[in-house]
C-alpha atoms as a PDB file:
ATOM      1  CA  UNK A   1      34.907 114.098 -20.905  1.00  0.00           C
ATOM      2  CA  UNK A   2      31.622 112.294 -21.312  1.00  0.00           C
ATOM      3  CA  UNK A   3      29.716 110.842 -18.362  1.00  0.00           C
ATOM      4  CA  UNK A   4      27.735 107.630 -18.718  1.00  0.00           C
ATOM      5  CA  UNK A   5      25.602 105.507 -16.393  1.00  0.00           C
ATOM      6  CA  UNK A   6      25.928 101.767 -17.104  1.00  0.00           C
ATOM      7  CA  UNK A   7      23.260  99.759 -15.237  1.00  0.00           C
ATOM      8  CA  UNK A   8      23.376  95.971 -15.183  1.00  0.00           C
ATOM      9  CA  UNK A   9      20.643  93.511 -14.251  1.00  0.00           C
ATOM     10  CA  UNK A  10      20.951  89.738 -13.925  1.00  0.00           C
ATOM     11  CA  UNK A  11      18.676  86.915 -12.834  1.00  0.00           C
ATOM     12  CA  UNK A  12      18.931  83.180 -12.135  1.00  0.00           C
ATOM     13  CA  UNK A  13      16.036  80.745 -11.766  1.00  0.00           C
ATOM     14  CA  UNK A  14      17.013  77.423 -10.195  1.00  0.00           C
ATOM     15  CA  UNK A  15      14.739  74.825 -11.774  1.00  0.00           C
ATOM     16  CA  UNK A  16      16.160  72.110  -9.494  1.00  0.00           C
ATOM     17  CA  UNK A  17      19.509  71.246  -7.893  1.00  0.00           C
ATOM     18  CA  UNK A  18      21.230  70.823 -11.277  1.00  0.00           C
ATOM     19  CA  UNK A  19      19.380  72.961 -13.823  1.00  0.00           C
ATOM     20  CA  UNK A  20      18.980  76.724 -13.943  1.00  0.00           C
ATOM     21  CA  UNK A  21      17.894  79.468 -16.321  1.00  0.00           C
ATOM     22  CA  UNK A  22      19.831  82.721 -16.384  1.00  0.00           C
ATOM     23  CA  UNK A  23      19.540  86.016 -18.172  1.00  0.00           C
ATOM     24  CA  UNK A  24      20.552  89.602 -17.990  1.00  0.00           C
ATOM     25  CA  UNK A  25      20.728  93.083 -19.415  1.00  0.00           C
ATOM     26  CA  UNK A  26      23.731  95.404 -19.451  1.00  0.00           C
ATOM     27  CA  UNK A  27      24.203  98.954 -20.635  1.00  0.00           C
ATOM     28  CA  UNK A  28      27.745  99.351 -21.914  1.00  0.00           C
ATOM     29  CA  UNK A  29      30.062 102.315 -22.401  1.00  0.00           C
ATOM     30  CA  UNK A  30      33.531 102.223 -23.934  1.00  0.00           C
ATOM     31  CA  UNK A  31      35.859 105.186 -24.317  1.00  0.00           C
ATOM     32  CA  UNK A  32      37.996 105.334 -27.463  1.00  0.00           C
ATOM     33  CA  UNK A  33      41.369 103.640 -26.844  1.00  0.00           C
ATOM     34  CA  UNK A  34      44.136 106.207 -26.362  1.00  0.00           C
ATOM     35  CA  UNK A  35      46.321 104.693 -29.083  1.00  0.00           C
ATOM     36  CA  UNK A  36      43.476 104.701 -31.626  1.00  0.00           C
ATOM     37  CA  UNK A  37      42.888 108.416 -31.045  1.00  0.00           C
ATOM     38  CA  UNK A  38      46.441 109.713 -30.693  1.00  0.00           C
ATOM     39  CA  UNK A  39      49.033 107.325 -32.113  1.00  0.00           C
ATOM     40  CA  UNK A  40      49.856 106.265 -35.655  1.00  0.00           C
ATOM     41  CA  UNK A  41      52.602 103.930 -36.840  1.00  0.00           C
ATOM     42  CA  UNK A  42      53.999 102.383 -40.001  1.00  0.00           C
ATOM     43  CA  UNK A  43      55.180  98.810 -40.520  1.00  0.00           C
ATOM     44  CA  UNK A  44      56.971  98.669 -43.861  1.00  0.00           C
ATOM     45  CA  UNK A  45      57.835  94.974 -43.434  1.00  0.00           C
ATOM     46  CA  UNK A  46      54.136  94.090 -43.238  1.00  0.00           C
ATOM     47  CA  UNK A  47      53.199  96.683 -45.857  1.00  0.00           C
ATOM     48  CA  UNK A  48      50.794  98.855 -43.871  1.00  0.00           C
ATOM     49  CA  UNK A  49      50.412 102.067 -41.920  1.00  0.00           C
ATOM     50  CA  UNK A  50      47.920 102.849 -39.149  1.00  0.00           C
ATOM     51  CA  UNK A  51      46.704 106.410 -38.721  1.00  0.00           C
ATOM     52  CA  UNK A  52      45.109 107.939 -35.640  1.00  0.00           C
ATOM     53  CA  UNK A  53      41.507 109.133 -35.503  1.00  0.00           C
ATOM     54  CA  UNK A  54      41.125 112.130 -33.150  1.00  0.00           C
ATOM     55  CA  UNK A  55      37.393 112.259 -33.981  1.00  0.00           C
ATOM     56  CA  UNK A  56      36.661 108.789 -32.589  1.00  0.00           C
ATOM     57  CA  UNK A  57      33.531 108.830 -30.404  1.00  0.00           C
ATOM     58  CA  UNK A  58      32.725 106.759 -27.300  1.00  0.00           C
ATOM     59  CA  UNK A  59      30.802 103.540 -27.876  1.00  0.00           C
ATOM     60  CA  UNK A  60      27.527 102.713 -26.122  1.00  0.00           C
ATOM     61  CA  UNK A  61      25.605  99.449 -26.163  1.00  0.00           C
ATOM     62  CA  UNK A  62      22.564  97.585 -24.899  1.00  0.00           C
ATOM     63  CA  UNK A  63      23.139  93.873 -24.382  1.00  0.00           C
ATOM     64  CA  UNK A  64      20.793  91.010 -23.548  1.00  0.00           C
ATOM     65  CA  UNK A  65      21.662  87.408 -22.650  1.00  0.00           C
ATOM     66  CA  UNK A  66      19.538  84.324 -21.996  1.00  0.00           C
ATOM     67  CA  UNK A  67      20.777  80.832 -21.223  1.00  0.00           C
ATOM     68  CA  UNK A  68      20.270  77.388 -19.727  1.00  0.00           C
ATOM     69  CA  UNK A  69      22.872  75.817 -17.428  1.00  0.00           C
ATOM     70  CA  UNK A  70      23.390  72.296 -16.046  1.00  0.00           C
ATOM     71  CA  UNK A  71      25.801  71.708 -13.174  1.00  0.00           C
ATOM     72  CA  UNK A  72      25.902  68.137 -11.908  1.00  0.00           C
ATOM     73  CA  UNK A  73      28.354  66.131  -9.847  1.00  0.00           C
ATOM     74  CA  UNK A  74      30.166  64.691 -12.872  1.00  0.00           C
ATOM     75  CA  UNK A  75      29.080  66.910 -15.762  1.00  0.00           C
ATOM     76  CA  UNK A  76      28.323  70.481 -16.703  1.00  0.00           C
ATOM     77  CA  UNK A  77      26.751  72.174 -19.719  1.00  0.00           C
ATOM     78  CA  UNK A  78      25.671  75.642 -20.712  1.00  0.00           C
ATOM     79  CA  UNK A  79      23.847  77.052 -23.732  1.00  0.00           C
ATOM     80  CA  UNK A  80      23.376  80.798 -24.056  1.00  0.00           C
ATOM     81  CA  UNK A  81      22.374  83.374 -26.640  1.00  0.00           C
ATOM     82  CA  UNK A  82      23.175  87.078 -26.655  1.00  0.00           C
ATOM     83  CA  UNK A  83      22.091  90.143 -28.584  1.00  0.00           C
ATOM     84  CA  UNK A  84      24.086  93.386 -28.435  1.00  0.00           C
ATOM     85  CA  UNK A  85      23.193  96.626 -30.195  1.00  0.00           C
ATOM     86  CA  UNK A  86      25.716  99.442 -30.449  1.00  0.00           C
ATOM     87  CA  UNK A  87      25.811 103.138 -31.171  1.00  0.00           C
ATOM     88  CA  UNK A  88      29.148 104.414 -32.487  1.00  0.00           C
ATOM     89  CA  UNK A  89      30.663 100.924 -32.264  1.00  0.00           C
ATOM     90  CA  UNK A  90      34.467 101.242 -32.292  1.00  0.00           C
ATOM     91  CA  UNK A  91      35.825  99.073 -35.091  1.00  0.00           C
ATOM     92  CA  UNK A  92      39.608  98.932 -34.788  1.00  0.00           C
ATOM     93  CA  UNK A  93      42.074  98.631 -37.645  1.00  0.00           C
ATOM     94  CA  UNK A  94      39.635  99.258 -40.516  1.00  0.00           C
ATOM     95  CA  UNK A  95      41.141  99.121 -44.014  1.00  0.00           C
ATOM     96  CA  UNK A  96      40.559 102.521 -45.667  1.00  0.00           C
ATOM     97  CA  UNK A  97      42.731 102.278 -48.804  1.00  0.00           C
ATOM     98  CA  UNK A  98      46.312 102.712 -49.988  1.00  0.00           C
ATOM     99  CA  UNK A  99      48.631 105.689 -49.546  1.00  0.00           C
ATOM    100  CA  UNK A 100      50.981 107.192 -52.149  1.00  0.00           C
ATOM    101  CA  UNK A 101      53.713 104.720 -51.166  1.00  0.00           C
ATOM    102  CA  UNK A 102      51.410 101.776 -51.887  1.00  0.00           C
ATOM    103  CA  UNK A 103      51.065 100.837 -48.214  1.00  0.00           C
ATOM    104  CA  UNK A 104      47.714  99.612 -46.907  1.00  0.00           C
ATOM    105  CA  UNK A 105      46.163 102.256 -44.636  1.00  0.00           C
ATOM    106  CA  UNK A 106      44.177 101.300 -41.522  1.00  0.00           C
ATOM    107  CA  UNK A 107      42.265 103.468 -39.070  1.00  0.00           C
ATOM    108  CA  UNK A 108      39.882 102.891 -36.170  1.00  0.00           C
ATOM    109  CA  UNK A 109      36.409 104.174 -37.009  1.00  0.00           C
ATOM    110  CA  UNK A 110      32.947 104.445 -35.511  1.00  0.00           C
ATOM    111  CA  UNK A 111      30.057 102.391 -36.852  1.00  0.00           C
ATOM    112  CA  UNK A 112      26.930 104.445 -36.208  1.00  0.00           C
ATOM    113  CA  UNK A 113      24.550 101.480 -35.865  1.00  0.00           C
ATOM    114  CA  UNK A 114      25.970  97.991 -35.224  1.00  0.00           C
ATOM    115  CA  UNK A 115      24.420  94.715 -34.144  1.00  0.00           C
ATOM    116  CA  UNK A 116      26.212  91.586 -32.880  1.00  0.00           C
ATOM    117  CA  UNK A 117      24.381  88.443 -31.830  1.00  0.00           C
ATOM    118  CA  UNK A 118      25.453  84.880 -31.252  1.00  0.00           C
ATOM    119  CA  UNK A 119      25.194  81.559 -29.469  1.00  0.00           C
ATOM    120  CA  UNK A 120      27.701  79.885 -27.126  1.00  0.00           C
ATOM    121  CA  UNK A 121      27.802  76.275 -25.960  1.00  0.00           C
ATOM    122  CA  UNK A 122      30.124  74.541 -23.512  1.00  0.00           C
ATOM    123  CA  UNK A 123      30.037  71.151 -21.794  1.00  0.00           C
ATOM    124  CA  UNK A 124      32.208  68.700 -19.895  1.00  0.00           C
ATOM    125  CA  UNK A 125      31.955  65.176 -18.508  1.00  0.00           C
ATOM    126  CA  UNK A 126      33.958  63.062 -16.060  1.00  0.00           C
ATOM    127  CA  UNK A 127      34.065  59.744 -17.918  1.00  0.00           C
ATOM    128  CA  UNK A 128      34.587  57.814 -14.698  1.00  0.00           C
ATOM    129  CA  UNK A 129      30.869  58.349 -14.056  1.00  0.00           C
ATOM    130  CA  UNK A 130      30.157  56.025 -16.996  1.00  0.00           C
ATOM    131  CA  UNK A 131      32.550  53.238 -16.026  1.00  0.00           C
ATOM    132  CA  UNK A 132      35.115  52.660 -13.245  1.00  0.00           C
ATOM    133  CA  UNK A 133      37.603  51.719 -15.973  1.00  0.00           C
ATOM    134  CA  UNK A 134      37.501  55.346 -17.186  1.00  0.00           C
ATOM    135  CA  UNK A 135      38.285  56.903 -13.803  1.00  0.00           C
ATOM    136  CA  UNK A 136      40.507  59.953 -14.251  1.00  0.00           C
ATOM    137  CA  UNK A 137      39.426  60.567 -17.848  1.00  0.00           C
ATOM    138  CA  UNK A 138      37.335  63.579 -18.858  1.00  0.00           C
ATOM    139  CA  UNK A 139      36.146  65.367 -21.979  1.00  0.00           C
ATOM    140  CA  UNK A 140      35.248  69.001 -22.511  1.00  0.00           C
ATOM    141  CA  UNK A 141      34.108  71.106 -25.429  1.00  0.00           C
ATOM    142  CA  UNK A 142      32.959  74.571 -26.364  1.00  0.00           C
ATOM    143  CA  UNK A 143      31.624  76.286 -29.471  1.00  0.00           C
ATOM    144  CA  UNK A 144      30.757  79.862 -30.392  1.00  0.00           C
ATOM    145  CA  UNK A 145      28.884  81.328 -33.346  1.00  0.00           C
ATOM    146  CA  UNK A 146      28.358  85.034 -33.868  1.00  0.00           C
ATOM    147  CA  UNK A 147      27.266  87.432 -36.557  1.00  0.00           C
ATOM    148  CA  UNK A 148      27.845  91.165 -36.771  1.00  0.00           C
ATOM    149  CA  UNK A 149      26.195  93.761 -38.975  1.00  0.00           C
ATOM    150  CA  UNK A 150      26.995  97.375 -39.796  1.00  0.00           C
ATOM    151  CA  UNK A 151      23.418  98.545 -40.358  1.00  0.00           C
ATOM    152  CA  UNK A 152      24.506 102.022 -41.408  1.00  0.00           C
ATOM    153  CA  UNK A 153      26.517 100.664 -44.355  1.00  0.00           C
ATOM    154  CA  UNK A 154      24.594  97.433 -44.910  1.00  0.00           C
ATOM    155  CA  UNK A 155      27.811  95.433 -44.524  1.00  0.00           C
ATOM    156  CA  UNK A 156      29.116  92.671 -42.225  1.00  0.00           C
ATOM    157  CA  UNK A 157      31.301  93.760 -39.302  1.00  0.00           C
ATOM    158  CA  UNK A 158      34.875  92.804 -40.117  1.00  0.00           C
ATOM    159  CA  UNK A 159      35.919  92.346 -36.468  1.00  0.00           C
ATOM    160  CA  UNK A 160      33.474  89.494 -35.707  1.00  0.00           C
ATOM    161  CA  UNK A 161      35.139  86.071 -35.807  1.00  0.00           C
ATOM    162  CA  UNK A 162      33.739  83.077 -37.709  1.00  0.00           C
ATOM    163  CA  UNK A 163      32.490  79.918 -35.977  1.00  0.00           C
ATOM    164  CA  UNK A 164      35.015  78.523 -33.477  1.00  0.00           C
ATOM    165  CA  UNK A 165      35.124  75.401 -31.320  1.00  0.00           C
ATOM    166  CA  UNK A 166      37.444  73.618 -28.899  1.00  0.00           C
ATOM    167  CA  UNK A 167      37.603  70.042 -27.652  1.00  0.00           C
ATOM    168  CA  UNK A 168      39.717  68.318 -25.026  1.00  0.00           C
ATOM    169  CA  UNK A 169      40.331  64.769 -23.834  1.00  0.00           C
ATOM    170  CA  UNK A 170      42.223  64.640 -20.542  1.00  0.00           C
ATOM    171  CA  UNK A 171      43.549  62.178 -17.999  1.00  0.00           C
ATOM    172  CA  UNK A 172      44.366  63.290 -14.452  1.00  0.00           C
ATOM    173  CA  UNK A 173      46.149  61.213 -11.824  1.00  0.00           C
ATOM    174  CA  UNK A 174      47.191  62.335  -8.351  1.00  0.00           C
ATOM    175  CA  UNK A 175      50.569  63.742  -9.381  1.00  0.00           C
ATOM    176  CA  UNK A 176      50.348  64.208 -13.131  1.00  0.00           C
ATOM    177  CA  UNK A 177      47.957  64.818 -15.983  1.00  0.00           C
ATOM    178  CA  UNK A 178      47.820  65.057 -19.763  1.00  0.00           C
ATOM    179  CA  UNK A 179      45.355  66.552 -22.248  1.00  0.00           C
ATOM    180  CA  UNK A 180      44.942  66.383 -26.017  1.00  0.00           C
ATOM    181  CA  UNK A 181      42.994  69.399 -27.201  1.00  0.00           C
ATOM    182  CA  UNK A 182      41.731  70.612 -30.541  1.00  0.00           C
ATOM    183  CA  UNK A 183      41.035  74.098 -31.860  1.00  0.00           C
ATOM    184  CA  UNK A 184      38.712  74.509 -34.821  1.00  0.00           C
ATOM    185  CA  UNK A 185      37.523  77.501 -36.841  1.00  0.00           C
ATOM    186  CA  UNK A 186      35.287  78.018 -39.819  1.00  0.00           C
ATOM    187  CA  UNK A 187      36.098  79.912 -42.989  1.00  0.00           C
ATOM    188  CA  UNK A 188      35.931  83.673 -42.641  1.00  0.00           C
ATOM    189  CA  UNK A 189      33.472  84.243 -45.448  1.00  0.00           C
ATOM    190  CA  UNK A 190      31.522  87.306 -44.234  1.00  0.00           C
ATOM    191  CA  UNK A 191      33.548  90.298 -45.338  1.00  0.00           C
ATOM    192  CA  UNK A 192      32.781  93.928 -46.180  1.00  0.00           C
ATOM    193  CA  UNK A 193      32.679  94.820 -49.864  1.00  0.00           C
ATOM    194  CA  UNK A 194      36.269  95.463 -51.049  1.00  0.00           C
ATOM    195  CA  UNK A 195      37.319  98.470 -53.130  1.00  0.00           C
ATOM    196  CA  UNK A 196      36.779  98.138 -56.868  1.00  0.00           C
ATOM    197  CA  UNK A 197      39.327  95.902 -58.543  1.00  0.00           C
ATOM    198  CA  UNK A 198      40.439  94.152 -55.341  1.00  0.00           C
ATOM    199  CA  UNK A 199      39.516  90.983 -53.469  1.00  0.00           C
ATOM    200  CA  UNK A 200      40.015  90.557 -49.735  1.00  0.00           C
ATOM    201  CA  UNK A 201      41.949  87.580 -48.434  1.00  0.00           C
ATOM    202  CA  UNK A 202      39.556  85.070 -46.863  1.00  0.00           C
ATOM    203  CA  UNK A 203      41.187  83.082 -44.063  1.00  0.00           C
ATOM    204  CA  UNK A 204      40.296  79.394 -44.490  1.00  0.00           C
ATOM    205  CA  UNK A 205      38.972  77.170 -41.724  1.00  0.00           C
ATOM    206  CA  UNK A 206      41.393  75.030 -39.746  1.00  0.00           C
ATOM    207  CA  UNK A 207      41.764  72.193 -37.248  1.00  0.00           C
ATOM    208  CA  UNK A 208      44.777  72.313 -34.933  1.00  0.00           C
ATOM    209  CA  UNK A 209      45.700  69.938 -32.104  1.00  0.00           C
ATOM    210  CA  UNK A 210      47.794  70.584 -28.985  1.00  0.00           C
ATOM    211  CA  UNK A 211      49.190  68.357 -26.237  1.00  0.00           C
ATOM    212  CA  UNK A 212      49.584  69.509 -22.624  1.00  0.00           C
ATOM    213  CA  UNK A 213      50.993  67.820 -19.534  1.00  0.00           C
ATOM    214  CA  UNK A 214      51.745  68.680 -15.925  1.00  0.00           C
ATOM    215  CA  UNK A 215      53.699  66.967 -13.152  1.00  0.00           C
ATOM    216  CA  UNK A 216      53.611  67.756  -9.433  1.00  0.00           C
ATOM    217  CA  UNK A 217      57.225  67.649  -8.285  1.00  0.00           C
ATOM    218  CA  UNK A 218      56.240  68.431  -4.708  1.00  0.00           C
ATOM    219  CA  UNK A 219      53.453  69.962  -2.678  1.00  0.00           C
ATOM    220  CA  UNK A 220      54.237  73.430  -4.009  1.00  0.00           C
ATOM    221  CA  UNK A 221      56.035  72.789  -7.307  1.00  0.00           C
ATOM    222  CA  UNK A 222      54.417  71.886 -10.642  1.00  0.00           C
ATOM    223  CA  UNK A 223      56.111  71.418 -14.010  1.00  0.00           C
ATOM    224  CA  UNK A 224      53.950  72.336 -17.014  1.00  0.00           C
ATOM    225  CA  UNK A 225      54.665  71.539 -20.656  1.00  0.00           C
ATOM    226  CA  UNK A 226      52.751  72.185 -23.856  1.00  0.00           C
ATOM    227  CA  UNK A 227      53.337  71.141 -27.450  1.00  0.00           C
ATOM    228  CA  UNK A 228      51.137  73.350 -29.624  1.00  0.00           C
ATOM    229  CA  UNK A 229      50.156  72.777 -33.248  1.00  0.00           C
ATOM    230  CA  UNK A 230      51.225  69.136 -33.251  1.00  0.00           C
ATOM    231  CA  UNK A 231      50.823  68.812 -37.008  1.00  0.00           C
ATOM    232  CA  UNK A 232      52.844  71.975 -37.699  1.00  0.00           C
ATOM    233  CA  UNK A 233      49.872  73.242 -39.674  1.00  0.00           C
ATOM    234  CA  UNK A 234      49.972  76.524 -41.581  1.00  0.00           C
ATOM    235  CA  UNK A 235      46.848  78.513 -40.741  1.00  0.00           C
ATOM    236  CA  UNK A 236      45.496  81.985 -40.099  1.00  0.00           C
ATOM    237  CA  UNK A 237      43.517  83.066 -37.049  1.00  0.00           C
ATOM    238  CA  UNK A 238      40.843  85.390 -38.451  1.00  0.00           C
ATOM    239  CA  UNK A 239      41.118  87.919 -35.639  1.00  0.00           C
ATOM    240  CA  UNK A 240      44.842  88.387 -36.299  1.00  0.00           C
ATOM    241  CA  UNK A 241      44.517  89.085 -40.036  1.00  0.00           C
ATOM    242  CA  UNK A 242      43.527  92.618 -41.086  1.00  0.00           C
ATOM    243  CA  UNK A 243      41.599  93.188 -44.291  1.00  0.00           C
ATOM    244  CA  UNK A 244      44.175  92.712 -47.032  1.00  0.00           C
ATOM    245  CA  UNK A 245      44.224  92.088 -50.757  1.00  0.00           C
ATOM    246  CA  UNK A 246      44.169  88.378 -51.588  1.00  0.00           C
ATOM    247  CA  UNK A 247      47.303  88.908 -53.706  1.00  0.00           C
ATOM    248  CA  UNK A 248      49.238  90.681 -50.946  1.00  0.00           C
ATOM    249  CA  UNK A 249      52.833  89.518 -50.584  1.00  0.00           C
ATOM    250  CA  UNK A 250      52.703  89.821 -46.780  1.00  0.00           C
ATOM    251  CA  UNK A 251      49.886  87.363 -46.029  1.00  0.00           C
ATOM    252  CA  UNK A 252      52.299  84.678 -44.836  1.00  0.00           C
ATOM    253  CA  UNK A 253      53.481  87.036 -42.108  1.00  0.00           C
ATOM    254  CA  UNK A 254      50.069  86.789 -40.466  1.00  0.00           C
ATOM    255  CA  UNK A 255      50.091  83.002 -40.158  1.00  0.00           C
ATOM    256  CA  UNK A 256      49.816  81.570 -36.651  1.00  0.00           C
ATOM    257  CA  UNK A 257      52.894  79.943 -35.077  1.00  0.00           C
ATOM    258  CA  UNK A 258      53.872  76.475 -36.235  1.00  0.00           C
ATOM    259  CA  UNK A 259      54.753  73.614 -33.920  1.00  0.00           C
ATOM    260  CA  UNK A 260      56.128  75.009 -30.659  1.00  0.00           C
ATOM    261  CA  UNK A 261      57.102  73.754 -27.217  1.00  0.00           C
ATOM    262  CA  UNK A 262      56.636  75.672 -23.979  1.00  0.00           C
ATOM    263  CA  UNK A 263      57.803  74.571 -20.526  1.00  0.00           C
ATOM    264  CA  UNK A 264      57.195  76.377 -17.236  1.00  0.00           C
ATOM    265  CA  UNK A 265      57.784  75.759 -13.556  1.00  0.00           C
ATOM    266  CA  UNK A 266      55.093  76.896 -11.122  1.00  0.00           C
ATOM    267  CA  UNK A 267      55.910  77.427  -7.460  1.00  0.00           C
ATOM    268  CA  UNK A 268      53.114  78.147  -4.962  1.00  0.00           C
ATOM    269  CA  UNK A 269      54.001  79.759  -1.639  1.00  0.00           C
END
């Protein structure tokens, strides 16, 4: 086996009671996943086969982060940027071609020199701080943008998601609460160059809304319910869709779930 030392250094500078600057450095090490090295499988229904890669190397990285944070009595916000550079980055489920049966072939591979950087933003506000009439209401939001490059091949990293964002409007009373939330994603338009004569499927952007509620039935019992994808929208989550030909007959099988209802009962002892 390979031995690695992974130091980590972080700092926080409190500007005042509410504002602070933070930053850090981390040396990362990731062993190849067991399944990627040793296990292959075929899914005829989805038209692909995954083959193992016994030559997969461990991944190492150097990561830097810098950010500004606000934490007040009725609001919070955070803006941060990160920059990660990798050696032998492990890219899982890479499309490598077609086999003799016409199935798409995928394999985890190392990227000798990879770079991922991005920006993240999140914020929230208790609206009751603006007006007593809005007591119990709150809003929250988050957004993330990232970009990944395979410097060895001069291509984008396929595993890096496009721009994503979330938003929520909630009301909380003593014994119950409800939240309308939105999930948004940009078009996945940064793709590696496809093989000659083919075009990769590009997952379009989407906006999806969900509704959640909870009721306290007693001191220790809470009923939770969620209605996801209120509009029953057909969409693809980029991270769930492998590189596939835009004319593939199995693309619909990668769509995210339509409208669904989930109910759970939580008991605290």
